[in-house]
Amino acid sequence: GNVGEKYNLTRHNFGLLLVDQSAEDYSFLPPAKKFDGELRKGMIGDFECLLLKPHTYMHLSGKSVLKALSFYKIKPENLLVLHDDIDLELGRIKYKIGGGDGGHNGLKSIDGAIGKNYKRLRLGIGRSQNSNIDSADHVLGRFSSDQLEIIDQINKKISGLIDLALKGKENDFLNKFYV
């Protein structure tokens, strides 16, 4: 995501909103400023987890991710990146390992820093219904109040199921999300 009031509640920060929801749901420790970002420690089920919110802006997030992974000696395949996806409609999610960046600058940065062998949770934000709105403007635009209610429901549901993905039960995670 991007930091600062200007980017608060924008579509590009969907992943950061999910990080906040999970930190709250699982009673993570308060954030510490580390690795050019905000780091929180806690447990999700049986898994000791770190939640990192890079403060480097989206297009440089790989710098923050690399610092955290290097310090804690975490392999990229144990990383789960939560990110907005304009090619999925609002309310849809997809889980995948590796792949292309789809034009997403945050993924480009992370790919450049650690390679492509990490897990991704794609959070649909959809495209603008107004063809006069540029994709970048749409992504950096704020969610409407109706959309924020949907985002809140999605984030609570994902947070409650995320331990399945951590256990390697991605299909169960996705199936239960869509029930």
N, C-alpha and C. Protein backbone atom coordinates (compact mmCIF):
# COMPACT_ATOMS: atom_id res chain seq x y z
N GLY A 1 0.81 -1.19 0.00
CA GLY A 1 0.00 0.00 0.00
C GLY A 1 0.85 1.25 0.00
N ASN A 2 0.20 2.36 0.08
CA ASN A 2 0.87 3.64 0.16
C ASN A 2 0.54 4.28 1.50
N VAL A 3 1.52 5.00 2.04
CA VAL A 3 1.35 5.61 3.36
C VAL A 3 0.88 7.05 3.23
N GLY A 4 0.31 7.54 4.29
CA GLY A 4 -0.10 8.93 4.35
C GLY A 4 -1.60 9.09 4.21
N GLU A 5 -2.10 10.18 4.74
CA GLU A 5 -3.54 10.48 4.74
C GLU A 5 -4.11 10.50 3.32
N LYS A 6 -3.31 10.97 2.38
CA LYS A 6 -3.76 11.05 0.99
C LYS A 6 -4.22 9.70 0.46
N TYR A 7 -3.62 8.61 0.95
CA TYR A 7 -3.91 7.28 0.45
C TYR A 7 -4.80 6.45 1.38
N ASN A 8 -5.23 7.04 2.48
CA ASN A 8 -6.06 6.34 3.43
C ASN A 8 -7.37 5.88 2.77
N LEU A 9 -7.69 4.61 2.94
CA LEU A 9 -8.92 3.99 2.41
C LEU A 9 -9.01 4.00 0.89
N THR A 10 -7.87 4.01 0.21
CA THR A 10 -7.88 3.89 -1.25
C THR A 10 -7.86 2.41 -1.65
N ARG A 11 -8.25 2.16 -2.88
CA ARG A 11 -8.29 0.79 -3.38
C ARG A 11 -6.91 0.14 -3.33
N HIS A 12 -5.88 0.93 -3.57
CA HIS A 12 -4.51 0.41 -3.56
C HIS A 12 -4.10 -0.07 -2.17
N ASN A 13 -4.81 0.34 -1.14
CA ASN A 13 -4.47 -0.04 0.23
C ASN A 13 -5.35 -1.15 0.79
N PHE A 14 -6.03 -1.87 -0.07
CA PHE A 14 -6.89 -2.97 0.36
C PHE A 14 -6.10 -3.95 1.22
N GLY A 15 -4.91 -4.32 0.77
CA GLY A 15 -4.09 -5.27 1.53
C GLY A 15 -3.74 -4.75 2.91
N LEU A 16 -3.46 -3.46 3.03
CA LEU A 16 -3.14 -2.88 4.34
C LEU A 16 -4.34 -2.93 5.27
N LEU A 17 -5.53 -2.75 4.73
CA LEU A 17 -6.74 -2.85 5.55
C LEU A 17 -6.92 -4.27 6.08
N LEU A 18 -6.57 -5.26 5.27
CA LEU A 18 -6.65 -6.65 5.71
C LEU A 18 -5.60 -6.95 6.78
N VAL A 19 -4.41 -6.39 6.63
CA VAL A 19 -3.38 -6.55 7.66
C VAL A 19 -3.89 -6.00 8.99
N ASP A 20 -4.49 -4.82 8.97
CA ASP A 20 -5.03 -4.22 10.19
C ASP A 20 -6.11 -5.10 10.80
N GLN A 21 -6.99 -5.65 9.97
CA GLN A 21 -8.07 -6.52 10.46
C GLN A 21 -7.48 -7.76 11.14
N SER A 22 -6.49 -8.38 10.52
CA SER A 22 -5.88 -9.58 11.07
C SER A 22 -5.13 -9.28 12.37
N ALA A 23 -4.43 -8.15 12.41
CA ALA A 23 -3.72 -7.76 13.63
C ALA A 23 -4.71 -7.59 14.79
N GLU A 24 -5.86 -7.02 14.49
CA GLU A 24 -6.90 -6.83 15.52
C GLU A 24 -7.51 -8.18 15.93
N ASP A 25 -7.87 -8.99 14.95
CA ASP A 25 -8.54 -10.26 15.24
C ASP A 25 -7.67 -11.22 16.04
N TYR A 26 -6.37 -11.18 15.81
CA TYR A 26 -5.46 -12.12 16.47
C TYR A 26 -4.62 -11.46 17.56
N SER A 27 -4.99 -10.27 17.96
CA SER A 27 -4.32 -9.57 19.07
C SER A 27 -2.80 -9.51 18.91
N PHE A 28 -2.37 -9.06 17.75
CA PHE A 28 -0.95 -8.89 17.50
C PHE A 28 -0.40 -7.78 18.39
N LEU A 29 0.90 -7.83 18.64
CA LEU A 29 1.56 -6.79 19.42
C LEU A 29 1.43 -5.45 18.69
N PRO A 30 1.54 -4.35 19.41
CA PRO A 30 1.51 -3.04 18.75
C PRO A 30 2.61 -2.93 17.70
N PRO A 31 2.42 -2.08 16.70
CA PRO A 31 3.41 -1.98 15.63
C PRO A 31 4.71 -1.34 16.09
N ALA A 32 5.79 -1.81 15.46
CA ALA A 32 7.12 -1.23 15.66
C ALA A 32 7.60 -0.74 14.30
N LYS A 33 8.29 0.38 14.28
CA LYS A 33 8.84 0.90 13.03
C LYS A 33 10.15 0.16 12.74
N LYS A 34 10.10 -0.69 11.72
CA LYS A 34 11.26 -1.51 11.33
C LYS A 34 11.19 -1.77 9.83
N PHE A 35 12.35 -1.97 9.26
CA PHE A 35 12.46 -2.41 7.87
C PHE A 35 11.74 -1.48 6.91
N ASP A 36 11.86 -0.18 7.12
CA ASP A 36 11.19 0.82 6.29
C ASP A 36 9.68 0.57 6.27
N GLY A 37 9.15 0.20 7.41
CA GLY A 37 7.72 -0.07 7.49
C GLY A 37 7.25 -0.20 8.92
N GLU A 38 6.11 -0.82 9.04
CA GLU A 38 5.48 -1.06 10.33
C GLU A 38 5.33 -2.56 10.49
N LEU A 39 5.93 -3.11 11.54
CA LEU A 39 5.97 -4.54 11.75
C LEU A 39 5.21 -4.90 13.03
N ARG A 40 4.39 -5.95 12.93
CA ARG A 40 3.66 -6.45 14.09
C ARG A 40 3.91 -7.95 14.19
N LYS A 41 4.03 -8.44 15.43
CA LYS A 41 4.26 -9.86 15.68
C LYS A 41 3.06 -10.45 16.41
N GLY A 42 2.77 -11.72 16.10
CA GLY A 42 1.68 -12.40 16.79
C GLY A 42 1.50 -13.81 16.28
N MET A 43 0.46 -14.44 16.75
CA MET A 43 0.15 -15.82 16.39
C MET A 43 -1.17 -15.86 15.64
N ILE A 44 -1.20 -16.67 14.59
CA ILE A 44 -2.44 -17.01 13.90
C ILE A 44 -2.51 -18.52 13.95
N GLY A 45 -3.42 -19.02 14.78
CA GLY A 45 -3.46 -20.47 15.02
C GLY A 45 -2.15 -20.90 15.65
N ASP A 46 -1.51 -21.89 15.03
CA ASP A 46 -0.23 -22.40 15.54
C ASP A 46 0.98 -21.72 14.90
N PHE A 47 0.73 -20.69 14.12
CA PHE A 47 1.82 -20.08 13.35
C PHE A 47 2.24 -18.74 13.94
N GLU A 48 3.54 -18.61 14.19
CA GLU A 48 4.10 -17.32 14.57
C GLU A 48 4.20 -16.50 13.29
N CYS A 49 3.58 -15.33 13.29
CA CYS A 49 3.50 -14.52 12.08
C CYS A 49 4.01 -13.11 12.29
N LEU A 50 4.48 -12.55 11.21
CA LEU A 50 4.87 -11.15 11.15
C LEU A 50 3.96 -10.48 10.14
N LEU A 51 3.42 -9.35 10.50
CA LEU A 51 2.63 -8.55 9.57
C LEU A 51 3.44 -7.30 9.26
N LEU A 52 3.74 -7.09 8.01
CA LEU A 52 4.57 -5.95 7.59
C LEU A 52 3.76 -5.05 6.68
N LYS A 53 3.75 -3.77 7.04
CA LYS A 53 3.15 -2.75 6.18
C LYS A 53 4.28 -1.83 5.73
N PRO A 54 4.80 -2.05 4.51
CA PRO A 54 5.89 -1.19 4.03
C PRO A 54 5.47 0.28 4.00
N HIS A 55 6.39 1.14 4.36
CA HIS A 55 6.16 2.58 4.30
C HIS A 55 6.99 3.22 3.19
N THR A 56 7.30 2.43 2.20
CA THR A 56 8.16 2.88 1.11
C THR A 56 7.38 3.30 -0.13
N TYR A 57 6.08 3.31 -0.04
CA TYR A 57 5.19 3.45 -1.18
C TYR A 57 5.21 2.16 -1.98
N MET A 58 4.13 1.93 -2.66
CA MET A 58 3.90 0.67 -3.34
C MET A 58 5.05 0.26 -4.26
N HIS A 59 5.51 1.18 -5.09
CA HIS A 59 6.49 0.82 -6.11
C HIS A 59 7.88 0.51 -5.55
N LEU A 60 8.09 0.68 -4.23
CA LEU A 60 9.36 0.34 -3.60
C LEU A 60 9.17 -0.66 -2.46
N SER A 61 8.03 -1.33 -2.39
CA SER A 61 7.74 -2.21 -1.27
C SER A 61 8.69 -3.40 -1.17
N GLY A 62 9.29 -3.80 -2.27
CA GLY A 62 10.25 -4.90 -2.25
C GLY A 62 11.43 -4.62 -1.34
N LYS A 63 11.82 -3.37 -1.23
CA LYS A 63 12.92 -2.97 -0.35
C LYS A 63 12.61 -3.33 1.10
N SER A 64 11.41 -3.01 1.55
CA SER A 64 10.98 -3.29 2.91
C SER A 64 10.84 -4.80 3.14
N VAL A 65 10.22 -5.49 2.18
CA VAL A 65 10.03 -6.93 2.28
C VAL A 65 11.37 -7.65 2.35
N LEU A 66 12.31 -7.28 1.51
CA LEU A 66 13.63 -7.91 1.50
C LEU A 66 14.33 -7.73 2.85
N LYS A 67 14.26 -6.54 3.41
CA LYS A 67 14.91 -6.29 4.71
C LYS A 67 14.32 -7.21 5.79
N ALA A 68 13.00 -7.32 5.84
CA ALA A 68 12.36 -8.15 6.86
C ALA A 68 12.69 -9.64 6.65
N LEU A 69 12.57 -10.12 5.41
CA LEU A 69 12.88 -11.52 5.14
C LEU A 69 14.32 -11.85 5.48
N SER A 70 15.24 -10.96 5.13
CA SER A 70 16.66 -11.19 5.39
C SER A 70 16.93 -11.22 6.89
N PHE A 71 16.39 -10.27 7.64
CA PHE A 71 16.63 -10.20 9.08
C PHE A 71 16.12 -11.45 9.78
N TYR A 72 14.92 -11.90 9.44
CA TYR A 72 14.32 -13.06 10.11
C TYR A 72 14.65 -14.38 9.41
N LYS A 73 15.44 -14.33 8.36
CA LYS A 73 15.84 -15.52 7.59
C LYS A 73 14.60 -16.32 7.13
N ILE A 74 13.65 -15.59 6.58
CA ILE A 74 12.42 -16.19 6.06
C ILE A 74 12.59 -16.42 4.57
N LYS A 75 12.25 -17.61 4.13
CA LYS A 75 12.32 -17.93 2.71
C LYS A 75 11.14 -17.29 1.99
N PRO A 76 11.35 -16.83 0.75
CA PRO A 76 10.24 -16.21 0.00
C PRO A 76 9.00 -17.09 -0.08
N GLU A 77 9.16 -18.40 -0.15
CA GLU A 77 7.99 -19.28 -0.26
C GLU A 77 7.13 -19.27 1.01
N ASN A 78 7.63 -18.67 2.09
CA ASN A 78 6.86 -18.54 3.33
C ASN A 78 6.23 -17.14 3.48
N LEU A 79 6.28 -16.37 2.43
CA LEU A 79 5.71 -15.03 2.41
C LEU A 79 4.34 -15.06 1.74
N LEU A 80 3.39 -14.36 2.33
CA LEU A 80 2.07 -14.17 1.72
C LEU A 80 1.87 -12.68 1.54
N VAL A 81 1.76 -12.26 0.28
CA VAL A 81 1.54 -10.85 -0.03
C VAL A 81 0.05 -10.64 -0.30
N LEU A 82 -0.52 -9.65 0.35
CA LEU A 82 -1.92 -9.28 0.18
C LEU A 82 -1.96 -8.05 -0.71
N HIS A 83 -2.63 -8.13 -1.84
CA HIS A 83 -2.60 -6.97 -2.75
C HIS A 83 -3.90 -6.80 -3.51
N ASP A 84 -4.17 -5.56 -3.88
CA ASP A 84 -5.33 -5.24 -4.69
C ASP A 84 -5.13 -5.76 -6.11
N ASP A 85 -6.26 -6.07 -6.75
CA ASP A 85 -6.19 -6.57 -8.13
C ASP A 85 -7.35 -5.98 -8.92
N ILE A 86 -7.03 -5.14 -9.87
CA ILE A 86 -8.04 -4.45 -10.68
C ILE A 86 -8.76 -5.40 -11.63
N ASP A 87 -8.15 -6.55 -11.94
CA ASP A 87 -8.75 -7.49 -12.87
C ASP A 87 -9.76 -8.44 -12.22
N LEU A 88 -9.93 -8.32 -10.91
CA LEU A 88 -10.96 -9.10 -10.20
C LEU A 88 -12.01 -8.12 -9.70
N GLU A 89 -13.27 -8.48 -9.85
CA GLU A 89 -14.32 -7.59 -9.37
C GLU A 89 -14.31 -7.54 -7.85
N LEU A 90 -14.83 -6.47 -7.32
CA LEU A 90 -14.91 -6.28 -5.87
C LEU A 90 -15.65 -7.46 -5.25
N GLY A 91 -15.05 -8.03 -4.22
CA GLY A 91 -15.65 -9.18 -3.54
C GLY A 91 -15.06 -10.51 -3.96
N ARG A 92 -14.25 -10.51 -5.01
CA ARG A 92 -13.60 -11.74 -5.48
C ARG A 92 -12.16 -11.76 -4.99
N ILE A 93 -11.67 -12.94 -4.69
CA ILE A 93 -10.27 -13.11 -4.31
C ILE A 93 -9.71 -14.31 -5.07
N LYS A 94 -8.41 -14.34 -5.20
CA LYS A 94 -7.72 -15.50 -5.78
C LYS A 94 -6.42 -15.68 -5.02
N TYR A 95 -6.02 -16.92 -4.92
CA TYR A 95 -4.78 -17.28 -4.24
C TYR A 95 -3.87 -17.95 -5.26
N LYS A 96 -2.61 -17.56 -5.28
CA LYS A 96 -1.69 -18.20 -6.22
C LYS A 96 -0.27 -18.09 -5.69
N ILE A 97 0.58 -18.88 -6.27
CA ILE A 97 2.01 -18.84 -5.96
C ILE A 97 2.73 -18.43 -7.23
N GLY A 98 3.57 -17.42 -7.11
CA GLY A 98 4.35 -16.95 -8.25
C GLY A 98 3.48 -16.33 -9.33
N GLY A 99 4.05 -16.22 -10.51
CA GLY A 99 3.33 -15.66 -11.65
C GLY A 99 3.79 -14.27 -11.99
N GLY A 100 3.09 -13.66 -12.90
CA GLY A 100 3.42 -12.32 -13.36
C GLY A 100 2.91 -11.26 -12.40
N ASP A 101 3.30 -10.03 -12.66
CA ASP A 101 2.90 -8.93 -11.78
C ASP A 101 1.62 -8.25 -12.25
N GLY A 102 1.16 -8.55 -13.45
CA GLY A 102 -0.09 -7.96 -13.93
C GLY A 102 -0.07 -6.45 -13.97
N GLY A 103 1.10 -5.86 -14.07
CA GLY A 103 1.20 -4.40 -14.08
C GLY A 103 1.16 -3.76 -12.70
N HIS A 104 1.13 -4.58 -11.66
CA HIS A 104 1.07 -4.09 -10.28
C HIS A 104 2.48 -3.69 -9.82
N ASN A 105 2.67 -2.42 -9.55
CA ASN A 105 4.01 -1.91 -9.20
C ASN A 105 4.56 -2.49 -7.91
N GLY A 106 3.70 -2.79 -6.95
CA GLY A 106 4.16 -3.41 -5.71
C GLY A 106 4.72 -4.79 -5.96
N LEU A 107 4.02 -5.57 -6.78
CA LEU A 107 4.51 -6.91 -7.12
C LEU A 107 5.80 -6.84 -7.93
N LYS A 108 5.88 -5.87 -8.85
CA LYS A 108 7.12 -5.69 -9.62
C LYS A 108 8.30 -5.46 -8.68
N SER A 109 8.09 -4.62 -7.68
CA SER A 109 9.15 -4.30 -6.73
C SER A 109 9.54 -5.53 -5.90
N ILE A 110 8.55 -6.26 -5.42
CA ILE A 110 8.83 -7.46 -4.62
C ILE A 110 9.51 -8.51 -5.49
N ASP A 111 9.02 -8.73 -6.71
CA ASP A 111 9.65 -9.68 -7.64
C ASP A 111 11.11 -9.33 -7.86
N GLY A 112 11.39 -8.05 -8.05
CA GLY A 112 12.77 -7.61 -8.27
C GLY A 112 13.66 -7.81 -7.06
N ALA A 113 13.09 -7.76 -5.87
CA ALA A 113 13.87 -7.88 -4.64
C ALA A 113 14.09 -9.33 -4.21
N ILE A 114 13.05 -10.19 -4.36
CA ILE A 114 13.17 -11.55 -3.82
C ILE A 114 12.82 -12.65 -4.82
N GLY A 115 12.47 -12.30 -6.02
CA GLY A 115 12.03 -13.29 -7.00
C GLY A 115 10.52 -13.44 -6.96
N LYS A 116 10.00 -14.43 -7.68
CA LYS A 116 8.55 -14.58 -7.83
C LYS A 116 7.97 -15.74 -7.03
N ASN A 117 8.79 -16.46 -6.30
CA ASN A 117 8.34 -17.67 -5.62
C ASN A 117 7.77 -17.35 -4.23
N TYR A 118 6.65 -16.62 -4.21
CA TYR A 118 5.97 -16.33 -2.95
C TYR A 118 4.47 -16.41 -3.20
N LYS A 119 3.73 -16.52 -2.10
CA LYS A 119 2.27 -16.66 -2.17
C LYS A 119 1.63 -15.28 -2.30
N ARG A 120 0.52 -15.24 -3.01
CA ARG A 120 -0.19 -13.97 -3.23
C ARG A 120 -1.69 -14.18 -3.00
N LEU A 121 -2.26 -13.26 -2.27
CA LEU A 121 -3.71 -13.24 -2.13
C LEU A 121 -4.17 -11.99 -2.86
N ARG A 122 -4.82 -12.23 -4.00
CA ARG A 122 -5.30 -11.16 -4.87
C ARG A 122 -6.68 -10.72 -4.39
N LEU A 123 -6.81 -9.45 -4.07
CA LEU A 123 -8.05 -8.89 -3.52
C LEU A 123 -8.70 -8.01 -4.59
N GLY A 124 -9.82 -8.45 -5.10
CA GLY A 124 -10.47 -7.74 -6.19
C GLY A 124 -10.98 -6.36 -5.83
N ILE A 125 -10.65 -5.40 -6.67
CA ILE A 125 -11.18 -4.04 -6.53
C ILE A 125 -12.00 -3.65 -7.76
N GLY A 126 -11.89 -4.41 -8.82
CA GLY A 126 -12.63 -4.14 -10.05
C GLY A 126 -12.14 -2.91 -10.78
N ARG A 127 -12.60 -2.78 -11.98
CA ARG A 127 -12.29 -1.61 -12.81
C ARG A 127 -13.38 -0.58 -12.65
N SER A 128 -13.07 0.64 -12.96
CA SER A 128 -14.06 1.72 -12.90
C SER A 128 -15.13 1.49 -13.96
N GLN A 129 -16.36 1.79 -13.62
CA GLN A 129 -17.47 1.71 -14.57
C GLN A 129 -17.46 2.90 -15.53
N ASN A 130 -16.69 3.93 -15.16
CA ASN A 130 -16.58 5.14 -15.97
C ASN A 130 -15.34 5.04 -16.86
N SER A 131 -15.53 4.91 -18.14
CA SER A 131 -14.40 4.75 -19.07
C SER A 131 -13.51 5.99 -19.15
N ASN A 132 -13.98 7.12 -18.62
CA ASN A 132 -13.17 8.34 -18.62
C ASN A 132 -12.17 8.39 -17.47
N ILE A 133 -12.28 7.44 -16.55
CA ILE A 133 -11.36 7.42 -15.40
C ILE A 133 -10.20 6.49 -15.72
N ASP A 134 -9.01 7.02 -15.64
CA ASP A 134 -7.78 6.27 -15.86
C ASP A 134 -7.64 5.19 -14.79
N SER A 135 -7.05 4.04 -15.15
CA SER A 135 -6.87 2.94 -14.20
C SER A 135 -6.09 3.37 -12.97
N ALA A 136 -5.02 4.15 -13.15
CA ALA A 136 -4.23 4.60 -12.00
C ALA A 136 -5.06 5.48 -11.07
N ASP A 137 -5.87 6.36 -11.65
CA ASP A 137 -6.74 7.21 -10.82
C ASP A 137 -7.78 6.37 -10.07
N HIS A 138 -8.29 5.35 -10.73
CA HIS A 138 -9.27 4.46 -10.09
C HIS A 138 -8.63 3.73 -8.91
N VAL A 139 -7.45 3.15 -9.12
CA VAL A 139 -6.76 2.39 -8.07
C VAL A 139 -6.42 3.29 -6.89
N LEU A 140 -6.03 4.53 -7.17
CA LEU A 140 -5.66 5.45 -6.10
C LEU A 140 -6.86 6.21 -5.52
N GLY A 141 -8.05 5.92 -6.05
CA GLY A 141 -9.26 6.53 -5.52
C GLY A 141 -9.74 5.83 -4.26
N ARG A 142 -10.52 6.54 -3.49
CA ARG A 142 -11.06 5.99 -2.25
C ARG A 142 -12.27 5.09 -2.53
N PHE A 143 -12.43 4.09 -1.66
CA PHE A 143 -13.62 3.27 -1.69
C PHE A 143 -14.82 4.12 -1.29
N SER A 144 -15.98 3.85 -1.87
CA SER A 144 -17.22 4.50 -1.43
C SER A 144 -17.62 3.89 -0.08
N SER A 145 -18.56 4.50 0.60
CA SER A 145 -19.01 3.97 1.89
C SER A 145 -19.63 2.58 1.71
N ASP A 146 -20.37 2.37 0.63
CA ASP A 146 -20.94 1.04 0.36
C ASP A 146 -19.84 0.01 0.11
N GLN A 147 -18.83 0.42 -0.63
CA GLN A 147 -17.71 -0.48 -0.90
C GLN A 147 -16.94 -0.79 0.39
N LEU A 148 -16.79 0.19 1.28
CA LEU A 148 -16.09 -0.04 2.54
C LEU A 148 -16.81 -1.06 3.41
N GLU A 149 -18.13 -1.08 3.34
CA GLU A 149 -18.88 -2.11 4.08
C GLU A 149 -18.56 -3.50 3.52
N ILE A 150 -18.47 -3.60 2.20
CA ILE A 150 -18.11 -4.87 1.56
C ILE A 150 -16.68 -5.27 1.95
N ILE A 151 -15.76 -4.31 1.90
CA ILE A 151 -14.36 -4.56 2.24
C ILE A 151 -14.26 -5.06 3.68
N ASP A 152 -15.00 -4.44 4.58
CA ASP A 152 -15.00 -4.84 5.99
C ASP A 152 -15.45 -6.29 6.13
N GLN A 153 -16.52 -6.67 5.44
CA GLN A 153 -17.01 -8.05 5.49
C GLN A 153 -15.99 -9.02 4.91
N ILE A 154 -15.40 -8.65 3.79
CA ILE A 154 -14.38 -9.50 3.14
C ILE A 154 -13.20 -9.70 4.07
N ASN A 155 -12.70 -8.61 4.64
CA ASN A 155 -11.52 -8.70 5.49
C ASN A 155 -11.77 -9.52 6.74
N LYS A 156 -12.95 -9.39 7.33
CA LYS A 156 -13.28 -10.21 8.51
C LYS A 156 -13.34 -11.68 8.13
N LYS A 157 -13.91 -11.97 6.99
CA LYS A 157 -14.02 -13.36 6.55
C LYS A 157 -12.64 -13.95 6.24
N ILE A 158 -11.83 -13.20 5.49
CA ILE A 158 -10.48 -13.68 5.16
C ILE A 158 -9.67 -13.88 6.42
N SER A 159 -9.71 -12.91 7.32
CA SER A 159 -8.94 -13.01 8.56
C SER A 159 -9.33 -14.25 9.35
N GLY A 160 -10.61 -14.55 9.39
CA GLY A 160 -11.08 -15.72 10.13
C GLY A 160 -10.69 -17.05 9.50
N LEU A 161 -10.35 -17.03 8.22
CA LEU A 161 -10.00 -18.26 7.50
C LEU A 161 -8.51 -18.36 7.17
N ILE A 162 -7.74 -17.33 7.41
CA ILE A 162 -6.36 -17.26 6.92
C ILE A 162 -5.48 -18.40 7.44
N ASP A 163 -5.82 -18.95 8.61
CA ASP A 163 -5.02 -20.05 9.14
C ASP A 163 -5.04 -21.25 8.21
N LEU A 164 -6.13 -21.43 7.45
CA LEU A 164 -6.18 -22.53 6.48
C LEU A 164 -5.12 -22.35 5.40
N ALA A 165 -4.96 -21.14 4.92
CA ALA A 165 -3.93 -20.88 3.91
C ALA A 165 -2.54 -21.10 4.51
N LEU A 166 -2.36 -20.70 5.76
CA LEU A 166 -1.06 -20.89 6.42
C LEU A 166 -0.74 -22.37 6.60
N LYS A 167 -1.77 -23.19 6.75
CA LYS A 167 -1.59 -24.65 6.89
C LYS A 167 -1.38 -25.33 5.55
N GLY A 168 -1.43 -24.57 4.46
CA GLY A 168 -1.28 -25.16 3.13
C GLY A 168 -2.59 -25.69 2.57
N LYS A 169 -3.70 -25.31 3.18
CA LYS A 169 -5.02 -25.76 2.73
C LYS A 169 -5.71 -24.63 1.97
N GLU A 170 -5.06 -24.19 0.90
CA GLU A 170 -5.56 -23.05 0.14
C GLU A 170 -6.93 -23.31 -0.47
N ASN A 171 -7.15 -24.54 -0.95
CA ASN A 171 -8.45 -24.86 -1.56
C ASN A 171 -9.57 -24.78 -0.52
N ASP A 172 -9.31 -25.28 0.70
CA ASP A 172 -10.30 -25.17 1.78
C ASP A 172 -10.57 -23.71 2.11
N PHE A 173 -9.49 -22.93 2.14
CA PHE A 173 -9.60 -21.49 2.42
C PHE A 173 -10.53 -20.82 1.39
N LEU A 174 -10.27 -21.06 0.12
CA LEU A 174 -11.07 -20.45 -0.94
C LEU A 174 -12.50 -20.96 -0.95
N ASN A 175 -12.67 -22.27 -0.75
CA ASN A 175 -14.02 -22.84 -0.72
C ASN A 175 -14.84 -22.25 0.41
N LYS A 176 -14.27 -22.12 1.57
CA LYS A 176 -15.01 -21.57 2.72
C LYS A 176 -15.25 -20.07 2.54
N PHE A 177 -14.34 -19.39 1.86
CA PHE A 177 -14.56 -17.96 1.62
C PHE A 177 -15.80 -17.75 0.76
N TYR A 178 -15.98 -18.60 -0.25
CA TYR A 178 -17.08 -18.41 -1.19
C TYR A 178 -18.38 -19.09 -0.77
N VAL A 179 -18.41 -19.67 0.42
CA VAL A 179 -19.66 -20.29 0.91
C VAL A 179 -20.57 -19.22 1.44
